[in-house]
N, C-alpha and C. Protein backbone atom coordinates (compact mmCIF):
# COMPACT_ATOMS: atom_id res chain seq x y z
N MET A 1 59.79 85.69 138.15
CA MET A 1 59.86 87.07 138.91
C MET A 1 59.95 86.49 140.18
N SER A 2 60.94 87.42 140.87
CA SER A 2 60.94 87.15 142.49
C SER A 2 60.57 88.17 143.16
N HIS A 3 59.79 87.85 144.34
CA HIS A 3 59.52 88.82 145.36
C HIS A 3 60.37 88.43 146.59
N PHE A 4 60.44 89.57 147.29
CA PHE A 4 61.24 89.09 148.81
C PHE A 4 60.67 89.72 149.72
N ASN A 5 60.63 89.00 150.82
CA ASN A 5 59.99 89.62 152.07
C ASN A 5 61.32 90.01 152.90
N TYR A 6 62.26 89.50 152.74
CA TYR A 6 63.62 90.24 153.71
C TYR A 6 64.73 90.14 152.43
N PHE A 7 65.33 91.23 152.64
CA PHE A 7 66.67 91.52 151.64
C PHE A 7 67.90 91.63 152.59
N TYR A 8 69.09 91.02 152.56
CA TYR A 8 70.27 90.74 153.06
C TYR A 8 71.60 91.26 152.20
N GLY A 9 72.11 92.24 152.83
CA GLY A 9 73.57 92.43 151.87
C GLY A 9 74.48 92.20 152.87
N ILE A 10 75.67 91.52 152.33
CA ILE A 10 76.97 91.22 153.10
C ILE A 10 78.07 92.24 152.73
N TYR A 11 78.94 92.76 153.65
CA TYR A 11 79.94 93.56 153.11
C TYR A 11 81.33 92.72 153.57
N LEU A 12 81.93 92.57 152.72
CA LEU A 12 83.29 91.70 152.96
C LEU A 12 84.55 92.48 153.35
N ALA A 13 85.02 92.41 154.42
CA ALA A 13 86.35 92.90 154.65
C ALA A 13 87.34 91.88 155.07
N LYS A 14 88.51 92.47 155.33
CA LYS A 14 89.83 91.28 155.40
C LYS A 14 89.28 90.66 156.71
N LEU A 15 89.13 91.13 157.98
CA LEU A 15 88.95 90.30 159.13
C LEU A 15 87.36 90.10 159.48
N SER A 16 86.40 90.64 158.99
CA SER A 16 85.06 90.57 159.19
C SER A 16 84.10 90.82 158.27
N PHE A 17 82.76 90.44 158.64
CA PHE A 17 81.68 90.77 157.69
C PHE A 17 80.56 91.68 158.46
N SER A 18 80.03 92.42 157.64
CA SER A 18 79.03 93.55 158.12
C SER A 18 77.76 92.76 157.37
N ILE A 19 76.60 92.59 157.92
CA ILE A 19 75.32 92.07 157.61
C ILE A 19 74.25 93.29 157.77
N HIS A 20 73.27 93.53 156.83
CA HIS A 20 72.26 94.47 156.83
C HIS A 20 71.19 93.73 156.14
N GLY A 21 70.11 93.68 156.87
CA GLY A 21 68.90 93.24 156.30
C GLY A 21 67.78 94.10 156.64
N GLU A 22 66.93 94.14 155.53
CA GLU A 22 65.50 94.95 155.71
C GLU A 22 64.33 93.92 155.25
N ASP A 23 63.07 94.47 155.46
CA ASP A 23 61.82 93.80 155.30
C ASP A 23 61.53 94.72 153.77
N ARG A 24 60.54 94.23 152.89
CA ARG A 24 60.17 94.86 152.02
C ARG A 24 59.92 96.41 151.80
N ARG A 25 59.35 96.69 153.33
CA ARG A 25 59.25 98.12 153.50
C ARG A 25 60.20 98.88 153.71
N GLY A 26 61.43 98.50 153.69
CA GLY A 26 62.86 99.09 154.19
C GLY A 26 63.26 99.13 155.69
N LYS A 27 62.34 98.51 156.35
CA LYS A 27 62.51 98.51 157.91
C LYS A 27 63.97 97.58 158.26
N PRO A 28 64.94 98.31 158.93
CA PRO A 28 65.90 97.52 158.96
C PRO A 28 65.57 96.12 160.04
N LEU A 29 66.29 95.03 159.69
CA LEU A 29 66.00 93.73 160.63
C LEU A 29 67.03 93.38 161.30
N VAL A 30 68.35 93.78 160.94
CA VAL A 30 69.48 93.24 161.41
C VAL A 30 70.64 94.36 160.84
N HIS A 31 71.62 94.64 161.40
CA HIS A 31 72.98 95.27 161.04
C HIS A 31 73.82 95.01 162.40
N LYS A 32 74.81 94.08 161.74
CA LYS A 32 75.94 93.43 162.69
C LYS A 32 77.30 93.23 161.96
N THR A 33 78.37 93.58 162.61
CA THR A 33 79.45 93.27 162.24
C THR A 33 79.89 91.87 162.73
N LEU A 34 80.42 90.89 162.03
CA LEU A 34 80.89 89.47 162.54
C LEU A 34 82.23 89.10 162.09
N SER A 35 82.84 88.18 163.04
CA SER A 35 83.86 87.41 162.35
C SER A 35 83.33 86.42 161.26
N HIS A 36 84.45 85.98 160.94
CA HIS A 36 84.42 85.12 159.73
C HIS A 36 83.78 83.90 160.39
N LEU A 37 84.44 83.45 161.81
CA LEU A 37 83.61 82.33 162.13
C LEU A 37 82.36 82.17 162.63
N LYS A 38 81.88 83.61 163.09
CA LYS A 38 80.66 83.50 163.72
C LYS A 38 79.27 83.92 162.52
N LEU A 39 79.99 84.08 161.26
CA LEU A 39 78.86 84.57 160.27
C LEU A 39 77.74 83.49 159.71
N LEU A 40 78.30 82.49 159.53
CA LEU A 40 77.36 80.99 159.14
C LEU A 40 76.18 81.11 160.31
N LYS A 41 76.98 81.00 161.73
CA LYS A 41 75.84 80.56 162.66
C LYS A 41 74.90 81.77 162.84
N GLU A 42 75.28 82.97 162.47
CA GLU A 42 74.36 84.18 162.46
C GLU A 42 73.38 83.97 161.28
N MET A 43 73.80 83.82 160.30
CA MET A 43 73.14 83.72 159.00
C MET A 43 72.07 82.37 159.14
N ALA A 44 72.34 81.58 159.88
CA ALA A 44 71.51 80.31 159.95
C ALA A 44 70.55 80.71 160.75
N LYS A 45 70.54 81.71 161.85
CA LYS A 45 69.39 82.27 162.74
C LYS A 45 68.22 83.17 161.86
N LEU A 46 68.66 83.78 160.95
CA LEU A 46 67.61 84.62 160.11
C LEU A 46 66.79 84.07 159.19
N PRO A 47 65.61 84.89 159.01
CA PRO A 47 64.53 84.12 157.97
C PRO A 47 64.83 84.24 156.63
N VAL A 48 64.57 83.27 155.89
CA VAL A 48 64.60 83.16 154.53
C VAL A 48 64.58 84.44 153.83
N GLY A 49 65.27 84.80 152.96
CA GLY A 49 65.17 86.24 152.17
C GLY A 49 64.47 86.31 151.01
N LEU A 50 64.86 85.48 149.88
CA LEU A 50 63.78 85.44 148.89
C LEU A 50 63.22 84.14 148.38
N ARG A 51 61.94 84.70 147.77
CA ARG A 51 60.73 83.54 147.67
C ARG A 51 60.59 83.81 146.18
N HIS A 52 60.72 82.60 145.39
CA HIS A 52 60.30 82.72 144.05
C HIS A 52 58.93 82.22 143.81
N SER A 53 58.27 83.18 142.70
CA SER A 53 57.00 82.52 142.48
C SER A 53 56.65 82.19 141.09
């Protein structure tokens, strides 16, 4: 069973990505639109989303 502390979704578009992240209570943590080149750098800054137990 998986439990999450943070949940992230990525919307893929032709020229950009939109990232949305929430904590387990539904509080928004991040909502950004990024170019393809900046996506990995930005994702590396975010806390780990899923924790398996």
